[in-house]
Amino acid sequence: VQLQASGGGLVPPRGFLRLSCTTSGPSLENYAVGWFRQAPGKEREWVSCSSTGDGGKYYADSTKGRFTISRDKAKNTVYLQMADLEPEDTAVYFCVAEPWMVCTNSLIVANFNLWGQGTLVTVSS
């Protein structure tokens, strides 16, 4: 399974952006799909996760209330809608997936074996 993340770019503070994660392979319905991010000089940080079959959705405290993860089954795509962006949200965002996994409210890099390439989000005026 090859994941493809897209949608990054330059956005002003308090702006919004939507990231997409898709694959030409099997249905993402059979996978928990999530997002991590890595800011310059910092460790990779979990952002959000949608459980297998579009079950429970979880968010890191730093993004709760501002970010929304959703699925489009017909397009085999998972989105991360980001609103009210802050300069601290600047990072490379990675799409991740793990088959038949239930997300929790605290995930780490080791929870996911499938990683897409990153897409850069820059929040700056």
PDB file of N, CA and C in Angstrom:
ATOM      1  N   VAL A   1       0.852  -1.184   0.000  1.00  0.00           N
ATOM      2  CA  VAL A   1       0.000   0.000   0.000  1.00  0.00           C
ATOM      3  C   VAL A   1       0.888   1.234   0.000  1.00  0.00           C
ATOM      4  N   GLN A   2       0.698   2.089  -0.980  1.00  0.00           N
ATOM      5  CA  GLN A   2       1.451   3.341  -1.043  1.00  0.00           C
ATOM      6  C   GLN A   2       0.494   4.504  -0.767  1.00  0.00           C
ATOM      7  N   LEU A   3       0.811   5.243   0.270  1.00  0.00           N
ATOM      8  CA  LEU A   3      -0.009   6.390   0.637  1.00  0.00           C
ATOM      9  C   LEU A   3       0.544   7.638  -0.010  1.00  0.00           C
ATOM     10  N   GLN A   4      -0.372   8.491  -0.456  1.00  0.00           N
ATOM     11  CA  GLN A   4       0.040   9.750  -1.064  1.00  0.00           C
ATOM     12  C   GLN A   4      -0.648  10.897  -0.326  1.00  0.00           C
ATOM     13  N   ALA A   5       0.162  11.751   0.264  1.00  0.00           N
ATOM     14  CA  ALA A   5      -0.355  12.927   0.956  1.00  0.00           C
ATOM     15  C   ALA A   5      -0.177  14.152   0.075  1.00  0.00           C
ATOM     16  N   SER A   6      -1.160  15.027   0.119  1.00  0.00           N
ATOM     17  CA  SER A   6      -1.079  16.248  -0.674  1.00  0.00           C
ATOM     18  C   SER A   6      -1.882  17.348   0.008  1.00  0.00           C
ATOM     19  N   GLY A   7      -1.748  18.557  -0.500  1.00  0.00           N
ATOM     20  CA  GLY A   7      -2.550  19.667  -0.001  1.00  0.00           C
ATOM     21  C   GLY A   7      -1.804  20.678   0.837  1.00  0.00           C
ATOM     22  N   GLY A   8      -0.545  20.444   1.102  1.00  0.00           N
ATOM     23  CA  GLY A   8       0.222  21.390   1.887  1.00  0.00           C
ATOM     24  C   GLY A   8       0.452  22.687   1.133  1.00  0.00           C
ATOM     25  N   GLY A   9       0.920  23.687   1.864  1.00  0.00           N
ATOM     26  CA  GLY A   9       1.195  24.970   1.242  1.00  0.00           C
ATOM     27  C   GLY A   9       1.434  26.048   2.265  1.00  0.00           C
ATOM     28  N   LEU A  10       1.485  27.271   1.798  1.00  0.00           N
ATOM     29  CA  LEU A  10       1.692  28.441   2.650  1.00  0.00           C
ATOM     30  C   LEU A  10       0.331  29.061   2.956  1.00  0.00           C
ATOM     31  N   VAL A  11       0.070  29.287   4.227  1.00  0.00           N
ATOM     32  CA  VAL A  11      -1.218  29.847   4.645  1.00  0.00           C
ATOM     33  C   VAL A  11      -0.969  30.857   5.755  1.00  0.00           C
ATOM     34  N   PRO A  12      -1.713  31.943   5.809  1.00  0.00           N
ATOM     35  CA  PRO A  12      -1.513  32.931   6.873  1.00  0.00           C
ATOM     36  C   PRO A  12      -2.085  32.443   8.192  1.00  0.00           C
ATOM     37  N   PRO A  13      -1.646  33.008   9.290  1.00  0.00           N
ATOM     38  CA  PRO A  13      -2.218  32.656  10.600  1.00  0.00           C
ATOM     39  C   PRO A  13      -3.738  32.849  10.603  1.00  0.00           C
ATOM     40  N   ARG A  14      -4.403  31.927  11.276  1.00  0.00           N
ATOM     41  CA  ARG A  14      -5.873  31.853  11.348  1.00  0.00           C
ATOM     42  C   ARG A  14      -6.500  31.400  10.033  1.00  0.00           C
ATOM     43  N   GLY A  15      -5.655  30.977   9.085  1.00  0.00           N
ATOM     44  CA  GLY A  15      -6.170  30.451   7.822  1.00  0.00           C
ATOM     45  C   GLY A  15      -6.541  28.981   7.940  1.00  0.00           C
ATOM     46  N   PHE A  16      -6.922  28.406   6.797  1.00  0.00           N
ATOM     47  CA  PHE A  16      -7.314  27.003   6.806  1.00  0.00           C
ATOM     48  C   PHE A  16      -6.698  26.302   5.604  1.00  0.00           C
ATOM     49  N   LEU A  17      -6.613  24.981   5.729  1.00  0.00           N
ATOM     50  CA  LEU A  17      -6.019  24.162   4.686  1.00  0.00           C
ATOM     51  C   LEU A  17      -6.602  22.764   4.810  1.00  0.00           C
ATOM     52  N   ARG A  18      -6.701  22.048   3.724  1.00  0.00           N
ATOM     53  CA  ARG A  18      -7.163  20.675   3.767  1.00  0.00           C
ATOM     54  C   ARG A  18      -6.111  19.756   3.152  1.00  0.00           C
ATOM     55  N   LEU A  19      -5.667  18.807   3.922  1.00  0.00           N
ATOM     56  CA  LEU A  19      -4.738  17.799   3.444  1.00  0.00           C
ATOM     57  C   LEU A  19      -5.509  16.561   3.014  1.00  0.00           C
ATOM     58  N   SER A  20      -4.953  15.865   2.026  1.00  0.00           N
ATOM     59  CA  SER A  20      -5.567  14.636   1.527  1.00  0.00           C
ATOM     60  C   SER A  20      -4.576  13.500   1.608  1.00  0.00           C
ATOM     61  N   CYS A  21      -5.107  12.322   1.883  1.00  0.00           N
ATOM     62  CA  CYS A  21      -4.310  11.093   1.911  1.00  0.00           C
ATOM     63  C   CYS A  21      -5.067  10.056   1.099  1.00  0.00           C
ATOM     64  N   THR A  22      -4.429   9.548   0.065  1.00  0.00           N
ATOM     65  CA  THR A  22      -5.108   8.585  -0.780  1.00  0.00           C
ATOM     66  C   THR A  22      -4.148   7.478  -1.190  1.00  0.00           C
ATOM     67  N   THR A  23      -4.714   6.427  -1.759  1.00  0.00           N
ATOM     68  CA  THR A  23      -3.918   5.330  -2.274  1.00  0.00           C
ATOM     69  C   THR A  23      -4.633   4.714  -3.455  1.00  0.00           C
ATOM     70  N   SER A  24      -3.871   4.177  -4.375  1.00  0.00           N
ATOM     71  CA  SER A  24      -4.458   3.472  -5.513  1.00  0.00           C
ATOM     72  C   SER A  24      -4.594   1.994  -5.211  1.00  0.00           C
ATOM     73  N   GLY A  25      -4.221   1.631  -3.969  1.00  0.00           N
ATOM     74  CA  GLY A  25      -4.260   0.237  -3.579  1.00  0.00           C
ATOM     75  C   GLY A  25      -5.577  -0.146  -2.947  1.00  0.00           C
ATOM     76  N   PRO A  26      -5.539  -0.968  -1.905  1.00  0.00           N
ATOM     77  CA  PRO A  26      -6.772  -1.450  -1.297  1.00  0.00           C
ATOM     78  C   PRO A  26      -7.562  -0.344  -0.612  1.00  0.00           C
ATOM     79  N   SER A  27      -8.808  -0.677  -0.263  1.00  0.00           N
ATOM     80  CA  SER A  27      -9.665   0.309   0.375  1.00  0.00           C
ATOM     81  C   SER A  27      -9.110   0.721   1.728  1.00  0.00           C
ATOM     82  N   LEU A  28      -9.094   2.030   1.946  1.00  0.00           N
ATOM     83  CA  LEU A  28      -8.638   2.539   3.243  1.00  0.00           C
ATOM     84  C   LEU A  28      -9.647   2.260   4.352  1.00  0.00           C
ATOM     85  N   GLU A  29     -10.822   1.760   3.983  1.00  0.00           N
ATOM     86  CA  GLU A  29     -11.810   1.404   5.005  1.00  0.00           C
ATOM     87  C   GLU A  29     -11.288   0.309   5.931  1.00  0.00           C
ATOM     88  N   ASN A  30     -10.362  -0.478   5.453  1.00  0.00           N
ATOM     89  CA  ASN A  30      -9.805  -1.573   6.242  1.00  0.00           C
ATOM     90  C   ASN A  30      -8.610  -1.148   7.076  1.00  0.00           C
ATOM     91  N   TYR A  31      -8.353   0.141   7.099  1.00  0.00           N
ATOM     92  CA  TYR A  31      -7.186   0.671   7.791  1.00  0.00           C
ATOM     93  C   TYR A  31      -7.588   1.796   8.745  1.00  0.00           C
ATOM     94  N   ALA A  32      -6.892   1.846   9.862  1.00  0.00           N
ATOM     95  CA  ALA A  32      -6.893   3.093  10.614  1.00  0.00           C
ATOM     96  C   ALA A  32      -5.972   4.043   9.853  1.00  0.00           C
ATOM     97  N   VAL A  33      -6.409   5.268   9.675  1.00  0.00           N
ATOM     98  CA  VAL A  33      -5.615   6.246   8.938  1.00  0.00           C
ATOM     99  C   VAL A  33      -5.433   7.477   9.815  1.00  0.00           C
ATOM    100  N   GLY A  34      -4.216   7.961   9.838  1.00  0.00           N
ATOM    101  CA  GLY A  34      -3.941   9.105  10.702  1.00  0.00           C
ATOM    102  C   GLY A  34      -2.925  10.046  10.106  1.00  0.00           C
ATOM    103  N   TRP A  35      -2.568  11.029  10.917  1.00  0.00           N
ATOM    104  CA  TRP A  35      -1.596  12.032  10.505  1.00  0.00           C
ATOM    105  C   TRP A  35      -0.606  12.280  11.641  1.00  0.00           C
ATOM    106  N   PHE A  36       0.640  12.415  11.247  1.00  0.00           N
ATOM    107  CA  PHE A  36       1.694  12.890  12.125  1.00  0.00           C
ATOM    108  C   PHE A  36       2.269  14.155  11.505  1.00  0.00           C
ATOM    109  N   ARG A  37       3.009  14.883  12.297  1.00  0.00           N
ATOM    110  CA  ARG A  37       3.719  16.043  11.759  1.00  0.00           C
ATOM    111  C   ARG A  37       5.075  16.165  12.423  1.00  0.00           C
ATOM    112  N   GLN A  38       5.971  16.810  11.701  1.00  0.00           N
ATOM    113  CA  GLN A  38       7.313  17.031  12.235  1.00  0.00           C
ATOM    114  C   GLN A  38       7.758  18.435  11.891  1.00  0.00           C
ATOM    115  N   ALA A  39       7.935  19.222  12.928  1.00  0.00           N
ATOM    116  CA  ALA A  39       8.419  20.587  12.763  1.00  0.00           C
ATOM    117  C   ALA A  39       9.944  20.574  12.752  1.00  0.00           C
ATOM    118  N   PRO A  40      10.566  21.590  12.182  1.00  0.00           N
ATOM    119  CA  PRO A  40      12.033  21.634  12.131  1.00  0.00           C
ATOM    120  C   PRO A  40      12.652  21.521  13.515  1.00  0.00           C
ATOM    121  N   GLY A  41      13.580  20.597  13.658  1.00  0.00           N
ATOM    122  CA  GLY A  41      14.274  20.437  14.921  1.00  0.00           C
ATOM    123  C   GLY A  41      13.490  19.739  16.007  1.00  0.00           C
ATOM    124  N   LYS A  42      12.311  19.215  15.678  1.00  0.00           N
ATOM    125  CA  LYS A  42      11.475  18.557  16.679  1.00  0.00           C
ATOM    126  C   LYS A  42      11.184  17.121  16.282  1.00  0.00           C
ATOM    127  N   GLU A  43      10.728  16.356  17.259  1.00  0.00           N
ATOM    128  CA  GLU A  43      10.371  14.972  16.991  1.00  0.00           C
ATOM    129  C   GLU A  43       9.015  14.903  16.274  1.00  0.00           C
ATOM    130  N   ARG A  44       8.797  13.766  15.625  1.00  0.00           N
ATOM    131  CA  ARG A  44       7.533  13.547  14.959  1.00  0.00           C
ATOM    132  C   ARG A  44       6.415  13.459  16.001  1.00  0.00           C
ATOM    133  N   GLU A  45       5.310  14.127  15.711  1.00  0.00           N
ATOM    134  CA  GLU A  45       4.220  14.268  16.675  1.00  0.00           C
ATOM    135  C   GLU A  45       2.918  13.765  16.059  1.00  0.00           C
ATOM    136  N   TRP A  46       2.190  12.974  16.820  1.00  0.00           N
ATOM    137  CA  TRP A  46       0.892  12.493  16.355  1.00  0.00           C
ATOM    138  C   TRP A  46      -0.111  13.650  16.341  1.00  0.00           C
ATOM    139  N   VAL A  47      -0.978  13.667  15.300  1.00  0.00           N
ATOM    140  CA  VAL A  47      -1.938  14.750  15.129  1.00  0.00           C
ATOM    141  C   VAL A  47      -3.374  14.250  15.258  1.00  0.00           C
ATOM    142  N   SER A  48      -3.709  13.205  14.495  1.00  0.00           N
ATOM    143  CA  SER A  48      -5.094  12.750  14.476  1.00  0.00           C
ATOM    144  C   SER A  48      -5.157  11.331  13.925  1.00  0.00           C
ATOM    145  N   CYS A  49      -6.282  10.646  14.222  1.00  0.00           N
ATOM    146  CA  CYS A  49      -6.451   9.280  13.740  1.00  0.00           C
ATOM    147  C   CYS A  49      -7.927   8.960  13.573  1.00  0.00           C
ATOM    148  N   SER A  50      -8.231   8.229  12.509  1.00  0.00           N
ATOM    149  CA  SER A  50      -9.576   7.730  12.249  1.00  0.00           C
ATOM    150  C   SER A  50      -9.507   6.213  12.242  1.00  0.00           C
ATOM    151  N   SER A  51     -10.268   5.571  13.127  1.00  0.00           N
ATOM    152  CA  SER A  51     -10.192   4.123  13.259  1.00  0.00           C
ATOM    153  C   SER A  51     -10.684   3.415  12.004  1.00  0.00           C
ATOM    154  N   THR A  52     -10.316   2.154  11.885  1.00  0.00           N
ATOM    155  CA  THR A  52     -10.767   1.300  10.801  1.00  0.00           C
ATOM    156  C   THR A  52     -12.283   1.378  10.647  1.00  0.00           C
ATOM    157  N   GLY A  53     -12.745   1.453   9.390  1.00  0.00           N
ATOM    158  CA  GLY A  53     -14.170   1.528   9.130  1.00  0.00           C
ATOM    159  C   GLY A  53     -14.794   2.835   9.544  1.00  0.00           C
ATOM    160  N   ASP A  54     -13.982   3.884   9.581  1.00  0.00           N
ATOM    161  CA  ASP A  54     -14.472   5.217   9.962  1.00  0.00           C
ATOM    162  C   ASP A  54     -15.111   5.173  11.345  1.00  0.00           C
ATOM    163  N   GLY A  55     -14.430   4.489  12.268  1.00  0.00           N
ATOM    164  CA  GLY A  55     -14.907   4.430  13.635  1.00  0.00           C
ATOM    165  C   GLY A  55     -14.520   5.654  14.426  1.00  0.00           C
ATOM    166  N   GLY A  56     -13.983   5.445  15.617  1.00  0.00           N
ATOM    167  CA  GLY A  56     -13.649   6.559  16.476  1.00  0.00           C
ATOM    168  C   GLY A  56     -12.577   7.453  15.879  1.00  0.00           C
ATOM    169  N   LYS A  57     -12.701   8.741  16.156  1.00  0.00           N
ATOM    170  CA  LYS A  57     -11.738   9.718  15.668  1.00  0.00           C
ATOM    171  C   LYS A  57     -11.102  10.409  16.863  1.00  0.00           C
ATOM    172  N   TYR A  58      -9.817  10.594  16.792  1.00  0.00           N
ATOM    173  CA  TYR A  58      -9.083  11.147  17.924  1.00  0.00           C
ATOM    174  C   TYR A  58      -8.140  12.237  17.456  1.00  0.00           C
ATOM    175  N   TYR A  59      -7.864  13.157  18.383  1.00  0.00           N
ATOM    176  CA  TYR A  59      -7.021  14.297  18.060  1.00  0.00           C
ATOM    177  C   TYR A  59      -6.056  14.572  19.204  1.00  0.00           C
ATOM    178  N   ALA A  60      -4.871  15.027  18.833  1.00  0.00           N
ATOM    179  CA  ALA A  60      -3.936  15.500  19.842  1.00  0.00           C
ATOM    180  C   ALA A  60      -4.506  16.764  20.476  1.00  0.00           C
ATOM    181  N   ASP A  61      -4.175  16.995  21.717  1.00  0.00           N
ATOM    182  CA  ASP A  61      -4.700  18.166  22.427  1.00  0.00           C
ATOM    183  C   ASP A  61      -4.392  19.463  21.688  1.00  0.00           C
ATOM    184  N   SER A  62      -3.243  19.524  21.046  1.00  0.00           N
ATOM    185  CA  SER A  62      -2.824  20.760  20.364  1.00  0.00           C
ATOM    186  C   SER A  62      -3.669  21.071  19.130  1.00  0.00           C
ATOM    187  N   THR A  63      -4.418  20.074  18.635  1.00  0.00           N
ATOM    188  CA  THR A  63      -5.203  20.284  17.427  1.00  0.00           C
ATOM    189  C   THR A  63      -6.712  20.140  17.651  1.00  0.00           C
ATOM    190  N   LYS A  64      -7.090  19.686  18.817  1.00  0.00           N
ATOM    191  CA  LYS A  64      -8.496  19.445  19.099  1.00  0.00           C
ATOM    192  C   LYS A  64      -9.309  20.732  18.965  1.00  0.00           C
ATOM    193  N   GLY A  65     -10.428  20.619  18.254  1.00  0.00           N
ATOM    194  CA  GLY A  65     -11.280  21.778  18.040  1.00  0.00           C
ATOM    195  C   GLY A  65     -10.926  22.592  16.815  1.00  0.00           C
ATOM    196  N   ARG A  66      -9.733  22.362  16.272  1.00  0.00           N
ATOM    197  CA  ARG A  66      -9.308  23.099  15.076  1.00  0.00           C
ATOM    198  C   ARG A  66      -9.162  22.195  13.857  1.00  0.00           C
ATOM    199  N   PHE A  67      -8.790  20.943  14.089  1.00  0.00           N
ATOM    200  CA  PHE A  67      -8.574  19.991  13.000  1.00  0.00           C
ATOM    201  C   PHE A  67      -9.706  18.971  12.981  1.00  0.00           C
ATOM    202  N   THR A  68     -10.060  18.527  11.775  1.00  0.00           N
ATOM    203  CA  THR A  68     -11.100  17.514  11.619  1.00  0.00           C
ATOM    204  C   THR A  68     -10.638  16.471  10.621  1.00  0.00           C
ATOM    205  N   ILE A  69     -10.681  15.207  11.019  1.00  0.00           N
ATOM    206  CA  ILE A  69     -10.323  14.124  10.112  1.00  0.00           C
ATOM    207  C   ILE A  69     -11.602  13.492   9.585  1.00  0.00           C
ATOM    208  N   SER A  70     -11.615  13.179   8.304  1.00  0.00           N
ATOM    209  CA  SER A  70     -12.813  12.597   7.696  1.00  0.00           C
ATOM    210  C   SER A  70     -12.413  11.688   6.543  1.00  0.00           C
ATOM    211  N   ARG A  71     -13.375  10.877   6.126  1.00  0.00           N
ATOM    212  CA  ARG A  71     -13.121   9.940   5.029  1.00  0.00           C
ATOM    213  C   ARG A  71     -14.132  10.156   3.911  1.00  0.00           C
ATOM    214  N   ASP A  72     -13.662   9.938   2.679  1.00  0.00           N
ATOM    215  CA  ASP A  72     -14.537   9.852   1.517  1.00  0.00           C
ATOM    216  C   ASP A  72     -14.326   8.468   0.939  1.00  0.00           C
ATOM    217  N   LYS A  73     -15.262   7.588   1.237  1.00  0.00           N
ATOM    218  CA  LYS A  73     -15.095   6.196   0.834  1.00  0.00           C
ATOM    219  C   LYS A  73     -15.039   6.060  -0.679  1.00  0.00           C
ATOM    220  N   ALA A  74     -15.857   6.807  -1.393  1.00  0.00           N
ATOM    221  CA  ALA A  74     -15.909   6.696  -2.853  1.00  0.00           C
ATOM    222  C   ALA A  74     -14.583   7.095  -3.498  1.00  0.00           C
ATOM    223  N   LYS A  75     -13.904   8.038  -2.884  1.00  0.00           N
ATOM    224  CA  LYS A  75     -12.617   8.498  -3.425  1.00  0.00           C
ATOM    225  C   LYS A  75     -11.441   7.807  -2.765  1.00  0.00           C
ATOM    226  N   ASN A  76     -11.724   6.928  -1.808  1.00  0.00           N
ATOM    227  CA  ASN A  76     -10.666   6.225  -1.086  1.00  0.00           C
ATOM    228  C   ASN A  76      -9.644   7.220  -0.538  1.00  0.00           C
ATOM    229  N   THR A  77     -10.158   8.237   0.083  1.00  0.00           N
ATOM    230  CA  THR A  77      -9.332   9.347   0.540  1.00  0.00           C
ATOM    231  C   THR A  77      -9.695   9.713   1.978  1.00  0.00           C
ATOM    232  N   VAL A  78      -8.684  10.075   2.727  1.00  0.00           N
ATOM    233  CA  VAL A  78      -8.880  10.589   4.078  1.00  0.00           C
ATOM    234  C   VAL A  78      -8.381  12.034   4.094  1.00  0.00           C
ATOM    235  N   TYR A  79      -9.167  12.904   4.694  1.00  0.00           N
ATOM    236  CA  TYR A  79      -8.837  14.321   4.719  1.00  0.00           C
ATOM    237  C   TYR A  79      -8.485  14.772   6.138  1.00  0.00           C
ATOM    238  N   LEU A  80      -7.652  15.788   6.204  1.00  0.00           N
ATOM    239  CA  LEU A  80      -7.416  16.486   7.465  1.00  0.00           C
ATOM    240  C   LEU A  80      -7.719  17.958   7.197  1.00  0.00           C
ATOM    241  N   GLN A  81      -8.870  18.381   7.670  1.00  0.00           N
ATOM    242  CA  GLN A  81      -9.269  19.771   7.530  1.00  0.00           C
ATOM    243  C   GLN A  81      -8.680  20.549   8.708  1.00  0.00           C
ATOM    244  N   MET A  82      -7.887  21.556   8.393  1.00  0.00           N
ATOM    245  CA  MET A  82      -7.207  22.321   9.436  1.00  0.00           C
ATOM    246  C   MET A  82      -7.700  23.756   9.393  1.00  0.00           C
ATOM    247  N   ALA A  83      -8.156  24.249  10.518  1.00  0.00           N
ATOM    248  CA  ALA A  83      -8.667  25.612  10.602  1.00  0.00           C
ATOM    249  C   ALA A  83      -7.951  26.365  11.714  1.00  0.00           C
ATOM    250  N   ASP A  84      -8.099  27.693  11.675  1.00  0.00           N
ATOM    251  CA  ASP A  84      -7.491  28.535  12.713  1.00  0.00           C
ATOM    252  C   ASP A  84      -6.017  28.175  12.901  1.00  0.00           C
ATOM    253  N   LEU A  85      -5.301  28.070  11.818  1.00  0.00           N
ATOM    254  CA  LEU A  85      -3.908  27.626  11.862  1.00  0.00           C
ATOM    255  C   LEU A  85      -3.015  28.644  12.567  1.00  0.00           C
ATOM    256  N   GLU A  86      -2.033  28.124  13.246  1.00  0.00           N
ATOM    257  CA  GLU A  86      -1.081  28.921  14.002  1.00  0.00           C
ATOM    258  C   GLU A  86       0.312  28.666  13.472  1.00  0.00           C
ATOM    259  N   PRO A  87       1.228  29.618  13.651  1.00  0.00           N
ATOM    260  CA  PRO A  87       2.611  29.367  13.210  1.00  0.00           C
ATOM    261  C   PRO A  87       3.179  28.076  13.793  1.00  0.00           C
ATOM    262  N   GLU A  88       2.723  27.696  14.987  1.00  0.00           N
ATOM    263  CA  GLU A  88       3.216  26.464  15.617  1.00  0.00           C
ATOM    264  C   GLU A  88       2.756  25.210  14.885  1.00  0.00           C
ATOM    265  N   ASP A  89       1.818  25.352  13.968  1.00  0.00           N
ATOM    266  CA  ASP A  89       1.371  24.212  13.169  1.00  0.00           C
ATOM    267  C   ASP A  89       2.274  23.966  11.963  1.00  0.00           C
ATOM    268  N   THR A  90       3.228  24.840  11.743  1.00  0.00           N
ATOM    269  CA  THR A  90       4.157  24.665  10.632  1.00  0.00           C
ATOM    270  C   THR A  90       4.951  23.382  10.812  1.00  0.00           C
ATOM    271  N   ALA A  91       4.885  22.527   9.797  1.00  0.00           N
ATOM    272  CA  ALA A  91       5.543  21.218   9.884  1.00  0.00           C
ATOM    273  C   ALA A  91       5.350  20.476   8.570  1.00  0.00           C
ATOM    274  N   VAL A  92       6.097  19.402   8.436  1.00  0.00           N
ATOM    275  CA  VAL A  92       5.809  18.430   7.384  1.00  0.00           C
ATOM    276  C   VAL A  92       4.780  17.456   7.948  1.00  0.00           C
ATOM    277  N   TYR A  93       3.696  17.268   7.233  1.00  0.00           N
ATOM    278  CA  TYR A  93       2.607  16.395   7.683  1.00  0.00           C
ATOM    279  C   TYR A  93       2.678  15.077   6.914  1.00  0.00           C
ATOM    280  N   PHE A  94       2.587  13.974   7.672  1.00  0.00           N
ATOM    281  CA  PHE A  94       2.683  12.640   7.109  1.00  0.00           C
ATOM    282  C   PHE A  94       1.361  11.900   7.291  1.00  0.00           C
ATOM    283  N   CYS A  95       0.917  11.261   6.226  1.00  0.00           N
ATOM    284  CA  CYS A  95      -0.236  10.385   6.291  1.00  0.00           C
ATOM    285  C   CYS A  95       0.256   8.986   6.676  1.00  0.00           C
ATOM    286  N   VAL A  96      -0.477   8.327   7.581  1.00  0.00           N
ATOM    287  CA  VAL A  96      -0.082   6.993   8.045  1.00  0.00           C
ATOM    288  C   VAL A  96      -1.286   6.068   8.054  1.00  0.00           C
ATOM    289  N   ALA A  97      -1.033   4.780   8.021  1.00  0.00           N
ATOM    290  CA  ALA A  97      -2.128   3.813   8.052  1.00  0.00           C
ATOM    291  C   ALA A  97      -1.670   2.510   8.698  1.00  0.00           C
ATOM    292  N   GLU A  98      -2.613   1.822   9.288  1.00  0.00           N
ATOM    293  CA  GLU A  98      -2.347   0.533   9.904  1.00  0.00           C
ATOM    294  C   GLU A  98      -3.614  -0.296   9.748  1.00  0.00           C
ATOM    295  N   PRO A  99      -3.498  -1.547   9.240  1.00  0.00           N
ATOM    296  CA  PRO A  99      -4.705  -2.340   9.005  1.00  0.00           C
ATOM    297  C   PRO A  99      -5.398  -2.755  10.298  1.00  0.00           C
ATOM    298  N   TRP A 100      -6.710  -2.666  10.279  1.00  0.00           N
ATOM    299  CA  TRP A 100      -7.558  -3.195  11.339  1.00  0.00           C
ATOM    300  C   TRP A 100      -7.153  -2.699  12.720  1.00  0.00           C
ATOM    301  N   MET A 101      -6.910  -1.421  12.819  1.00  0.00           N
ATOM    302  CA  MET A 101      -6.509  -0.846  14.096  1.00  0.00           C
ATOM    303  C   MET A 101      -7.569   0.095  14.638  1.00  0.00           C
ATOM    304  N   VAL A 102      -7.739   0.068  15.932  1.00  0.00           N
ATOM    305  CA  VAL A 102      -8.612   1.025  16.609  1.00  0.00           C
ATOM    306  C   VAL A 102      -7.737   2.123  17.178  1.00  0.00           C
ATOM    307  N   CYS A 103      -8.039   3.340  16.839  1.00  0.00           N
ATOM    308  CA  CYS A 103      -7.244   4.469  17.314  1.00  0.00           C
ATOM    309  C   CYS A 103      -7.513   4.716  18.792  1.00  0.00           C
ATOM    310  N   THR A 104      -6.585   5.414  19.401  1.00  0.00           N
ATOM    311  CA  THR A 104      -6.775   5.880  20.770  1.00  0.00           C
ATOM    312  C   THR A 104      -6.431   7.372  20.809  1.00  0.00           C
ATOM    313  N   ASN A 105      -6.460   7.947  21.994  1.00  0.00           N
ATOM    314  CA  ASN A 105      -6.187   9.386  22.084  1.00  0.00           C
ATOM    315  C   ASN A 105      -4.711   9.676  22.325  1.00  0.00           C
ATOM    316  N   SER A 106      -3.867   8.667  22.164  1.00  0.00           N
ATOM    317  CA  SER A 106      -2.431   8.877  22.322  1.00  0.00           C
ATOM    318  C   SER A 106      -1.713   7.838  21.484  1.00  0.00           C
ATOM    319  N   LEU A 107      -1.158   8.253  20.372  1.00  0.00           N
ATOM    320  CA  LEU A 107      -0.510   7.299  19.457  1.00  0.00           C
ATOM    321  C   LEU A 107       0.931   7.705  19.215  1.00  0.00           C
ATOM    322  N   ILE A 108       1.732   6.733  18.841  1.00  0.00           N
ATOM    323  CA  ILE A 108       3.150   6.982  18.591  1.00  0.00           C
ATOM    324  C   ILE A 108       3.526   6.461  17.212  1.00  0.00           C
ATOM    325  N   VAL A 109       4.722   6.822  16.774  1.00  0.00           N
ATOM    326  CA  VAL A 109       5.198   6.431  15.456  1.00  0.00           C
ATOM    327  C   VAL A 109       5.124   4.920  15.264  1.00  0.00           C
ATOM    328  N   ALA A 110       5.464   4.172  16.295  1.00  0.00           N
ATOM    329  CA  ALA A 110       5.530   2.710  16.183  1.00  0.00           C
ATOM    330  C   ALA A 110       4.166   2.058  15.981  1.00  0.00           C
ATOM    331  N   ASN A 111       3.078   2.809  16.193  1.00  0.00           N
ATOM    332  CA  ASN A 111       1.748   2.231  15.991  1.00  0.00           C
ATOM    333  C   ASN A 111       1.424   2.027  14.511  1.00  0.00           C
ATOM    334  N   PHE A 112       2.177   2.662  13.619  1.00  0.00           N
ATOM    335  CA  PHE A 112       1.840   2.636  12.199  1.00  0.00           C
ATOM    336  C   PHE A 112       3.010   2.120  11.373  1.00  0.00           C
ATOM    337  N   ASN A 113       2.714   1.193  10.487  1.00  0.00           N
ATOM    338  CA  ASN A 113       3.746   0.644   9.617  1.00  0.00           C
ATOM    339  C   ASN A 113       3.719   1.233   8.211  1.00  0.00           C
ATOM    340  N   LEU A 114       2.653   1.888   7.844  1.00  0.00           N
ATOM    341  CA  LEU A 114       2.529   2.449   6.501  1.00  0.00           C
ATOM    342  C   LEU A 114       2.609   3.966   6.580  1.00  0.00           C
ATOM    343  N   TRP A 115       3.551   4.521   5.830  1.00  0.00           N
ATOM    344  CA  TRP A 115       3.780   5.971   5.851  1.00  0.00           C
ATOM    345  C   TRP A 115       3.823   6.498   4.430  1.00  0.00           C
ATOM    346  N   GLY A 116       3.163   7.637   4.229  1.00  0.00           N
ATOM    347  CA  GLY A 116       3.287   8.316   2.961  1.00  0.00           C
ATOM    348  C   GLY A 116       4.406   9.346   3.023  1.00  0.00           C
ATOM    349  N   GLN A 117       4.656   9.961   1.898  1.00  0.00           N
ATOM    350  CA  GLN A 117       5.631  11.046   1.897  1.00  0.00           C
ATOM    351  C   GLN A 117       5.002  12.255   2.568  1.00  0.00           C
ATOM    352  N   GLY A 118       5.779  13.146   3.047  1.00  0.00           N
ATOM    353  CA  GLY A 118       5.238  14.300   3.755  1.00  0.00           C
ATOM    354  C   GLY A 118       4.774  15.394   2.813  1.00  0.00           C
ATOM    355  N   THR A 119       3.928  16.244   3.356  1.00  0.00           N
ATOM    356  CA  THR A 119       3.515  17.450   2.643  1.00  0.00           C
ATOM    357  C   THR A 119       3.715  18.631   3.595  1.00  0.00           C
ATOM    358  N   LEU A 120       4.373  19.660   3.097  1.00  0.00           N
ATOM    359  CA  LEU A 120       4.788  20.768   3.946  1.00  0.00           C
ATOM    360  C   LEU A 120       3.665  21.782   4.128  1.00  0.00           C
ATOM    361  N   VAL A 121       3.398  22.104   5.383  1.00  0.00           N
ATOM    362  CA  VAL A 121       2.449  23.158   5.736  1.00  0.00           C
ATOM    363  C   VAL A 121       3.232  24.265   6.427  1.00  0.00           C
ATOM    364  N   THR A 122       3.137  25.464   5.882  1.00  0.00           N
ATOM    365  CA  THR A 122       3.816  26.619   6.455  1.00  0.00           C
ATOM    366  C   THR A 122       2.774  27.666   6.807  1.00  0.00           C
ATOM    367  N   VAL A 123       2.733  28.037   8.079  1.00  0.00           N
ATOM    368  CA  VAL A 123       1.795  29.047   8.545  1.00  0.00           C
ATOM    369  C   VAL A 123       2.594  30.307   8.849  1.00  0.00           C
ATOM    370  N   SER A 124       2.400  31.298   8.020  1.00  0.00           N
ATOM    371  CA  SER A 124       3.199  32.512   8.157  1.00  0.00           C
ATOM    372  C   SER A 124       2.505  33.657   7.439  1.00  0.00           C
ATOM    373  N   SER A 125       2.713  34.844   7.996  1.00  0.00           N
ATOM    374  CA  SER A 125       2.168  36.037   7.337  1.00  0.00           C
ATOM    375  C   SER A 125       3.189  36.629   6.359  1.00  0.00           C
TER     376      SER A 125
END
